[in-house]
C-alpha atoms as a PDB file:
ATOM      1  CA  MET A   1     -25.271   4.933  24.463  1.00  0.00           C
ATOM      2  CA  VAL A   2     -26.852   2.948  21.642  1.00  0.00           C
ATOM      3  CA  LEU A   3     -30.507   1.950  21.762  1.00  0.00           C
ATOM      4  CA  HIS A   4     -31.821  -1.122  19.970  1.00  0.00           C
ATOM      5  CA  PHE A   5     -35.599  -1.469  19.618  1.00  0.00           C
ATOM      6  CA  GLN A   6     -37.384  -4.698  18.741  1.00  0.00           C
ATOM      7  CA  GLY A   7     -41.061  -5.522  18.652  1.00  0.00           C
ATOM      8  CA  GLU A   8     -43.889  -3.115  19.369  1.00  0.00           C
ATOM      9  CA  LEU A   9     -43.114   0.354  20.635  1.00  0.00           C
ATOM     10  CA  SER A  10     -45.531   2.433  22.676  1.00  0.00           C
ATOM     11  CA  PHE A  11     -45.098   6.165  23.142  1.00  0.00           C
ATOM     12  CA  ASN A  12     -46.710   9.136  24.820  1.00  0.00           C
ATOM     13  CA  GLN A  13     -46.990  12.524  23.110  1.00  0.00           C
ATOM     14  CA  ASP A  14     -43.255  13.168  23.634  1.00  0.00           C
ATOM     15  CA  CYS A  15     -42.107  10.164  21.611  1.00  0.00           C
ATOM     16  CA  GLU A  16     -43.619   8.822  18.394  1.00  0.00           C
ATOM     17  CA  LEU A  17     -42.713   6.579  15.500  1.00  0.00           C
ATOM     18  CA  ASN A  18     -43.230   8.575  12.300  1.00  0.00           C
ATOM     19  CA  GLY A  19     -42.462   6.705   9.078  1.00  0.00           C
ATOM     20  CA  CYS A  20     -38.761   5.863   9.156  1.00  0.00           C
ATOM     21  CA  PHE A  21     -38.028   8.282  11.997  1.00  0.00           C
ATOM     22  CA  LEU A  22     -38.293   8.030  15.756  1.00  0.00           C
ATOM     23  CA  ILE A  23     -39.197  11.520  16.986  1.00  0.00           C
ATOM     24  CA  PHE A  24     -38.692  12.258  20.664  1.00  0.00           C
ATOM     25  CA  SER A  25     -38.011  14.859  23.309  1.00  0.00           C
ATOM     26  CA  LEU A  26     -35.260  14.082  25.790  1.00  0.00           C
ATOM     27  CA  LYS A  27     -37.899  13.851  28.540  1.00  0.00           C
ATOM     28  CA  GLY A  28     -39.927  11.469  26.358  1.00  0.00           C
ATOM     29  CA  LEU A  29     -36.875   9.292  25.714  1.00  0.00           C
ATOM     30  CA  HIS A  30     -36.081   9.217  29.437  1.00  0.00           C
ATOM     31  CA  GLU A  31     -39.645   8.114  30.189  1.00  0.00           C
ATOM     32  CA  PHE A  32     -39.791   5.600  27.310  1.00  0.00           C
ATOM     33  CA  LEU A  33     -36.594   3.888  28.456  1.00  0.00           C
ATOM     34  CA  GLY A  34     -38.108   3.496  31.935  1.00  0.00           C
ATOM     35  CA  VAL A  35     -35.019   4.737  33.740  1.00  0.00           C
ATOM     36  CA  GLU A  36     -36.777   7.239  36.042  1.00  0.00           C
ATOM     37  CA  ASN A  37     -35.992   5.093  39.093  1.00  0.00           C
ATOM     38  CA  VAL A  38     -32.376   4.565  38.006  1.00  0.00           C
ATOM     39  CA  ILE A  39     -31.278   8.057  36.973  1.00  0.00           C
ATOM     40  CA  VAL A  40     -32.936  11.451  37.376  1.00  0.00           C
ATOM     41  CA  TYR A  41     -33.796  13.297  34.185  1.00  0.00           C
ATOM     42  CA  THR A  42     -31.189  16.069  34.580  1.00  0.00           C
ATOM     43  CA  ALA A  43     -28.373  13.516  34.937  1.00  0.00           C
ATOM     44  CA  PHE A  44     -29.757  11.535  31.962  1.00  0.00           C
ATOM     45  CA  ARG A  45     -29.796  14.693  29.822  1.00  0.00           C
ATOM     46  CA  LYS A  46     -26.198  15.472  30.791  1.00  0.00           C
ATOM     47  CA  ILE A  47     -25.077  11.942  29.839  1.00  0.00           C
ATOM     48  CA  ILE A  48     -26.775  12.237  26.439  1.00  0.00           C
ATOM     49  CA  TYR A  49     -25.123  15.577  25.677  1.00  0.00           C
ATOM     50  CA  GLN A  50     -21.678  14.367  26.773  1.00  0.00           C
ATOM     51  CA  SER A  51     -21.907  11.094  24.843  1.00  0.00           C
ATOM     52  CA  SER A  52     -20.665  10.211  21.380  1.00  0.00           C
ATOM     53  CA  ILE A  53     -24.075   8.809  20.451  1.00  0.00           C
ATOM     54  CA  ASN A  54     -23.922   9.786  16.760  1.00  0.00           C
ATOM     55  CA  GLU A  55     -20.499   8.210  16.322  1.00  0.00           C
ATOM     56  CA  GLU A  56     -21.808   4.995  17.887  1.00  0.00           C
ATOM     57  CA  LEU A  57     -25.059   5.056  15.906  1.00  0.00           C
ATOM     58  CA  GLN A  58     -23.189   5.437  12.604  1.00  0.00           C
ATOM     59  CA  GLY A  59     -21.910   1.892  13.099  1.00  0.00           C
ATOM     60  CA  PHE A  60     -25.548   0.769  13.100  1.00  0.00           C
ATOM     61  CA  GLY A  61     -26.577   3.030  10.211  1.00  0.00           C
ATOM     62  CA  GLY A  62     -28.326   5.658  12.317  1.00  0.00           C
ATOM     63  CA  LYS A  63     -28.062   9.247  13.446  1.00  0.00           C
ATOM     64  CA  VAL A  64     -29.844  11.574  15.881  1.00  0.00           C
ATOM     65  CA  GLU A  65     -30.543  15.079  14.634  1.00  0.00           C
ATOM     66  CA  LEU A  66     -32.592  18.063  15.699  1.00  0.00           C
ATOM     67  CA  HIS A  67     -36.167  17.779  14.437  1.00  0.00           C
ATOM     68  CA  ARG A  68     -37.672  20.974  15.877  1.00  0.00           C
ATOM     69  CA  SER A  69     -35.926  23.522  18.061  1.00  0.00           C
ATOM     70  CA  THR A  70     -37.928  25.498  20.588  1.00  0.00           C
ATOM     71  CA  GLY A  71     -34.881  27.238  22.021  1.00  0.00           C
ATOM     72  CA  LYS A  72     -35.244  25.106  25.154  1.00  0.00           C
ATOM     73  CA  VAL A  73     -33.458  21.754  25.369  1.00  0.00           C
ATOM     74  CA  ASP A  74     -36.245  20.133  27.379  1.00  0.00           C
ATOM     75  CA  GLU A  75     -38.918  21.108  24.839  1.00  0.00           C
ATOM     76  CA  SER A  76     -37.026  20.596  21.563  1.00  0.00           C
ATOM     77  CA  LEU A  77     -37.701  17.484  19.498  1.00  0.00           C
ATOM     78  CA  TYR A  78     -35.047  15.178  18.075  1.00  0.00           C
ATOM     79  CA  LYS A  79     -35.267  12.370  15.559  1.00  0.00           C
ATOM     80  CA  LEU A  80     -33.463   9.094  15.094  1.00  0.00           C
ATOM     81  CA  ILE A  81     -32.995   8.491  11.382  1.00  0.00           C
ATOM     82  CA  LYS A  82     -31.571   5.722   9.245  1.00  0.00           C
ATOM     83  CA  LEU A  83     -28.583   6.830   7.167  1.00  0.00           C
ATOM     84  CA  GLN A  84     -28.831   6.253   3.422  1.00  0.00           C
END
């Protein structure tokens, strides 16, 4: 699953643009994408963890990595970064 953002982004406290990084929780990403009516959060989370997202993002010069671990998947923060 590769995400391509254009234009202005708006976020709640679970998803923010910080310099060259997009920092998000999985719940925040689910909400930001507006897929609540299409797929429930638990199924969305499972798809993300079973995907090859970093392999796909490398082709676009990006990578998702752990930003801050809380020990709980739903509360941890991740960041989308641009590879150098």
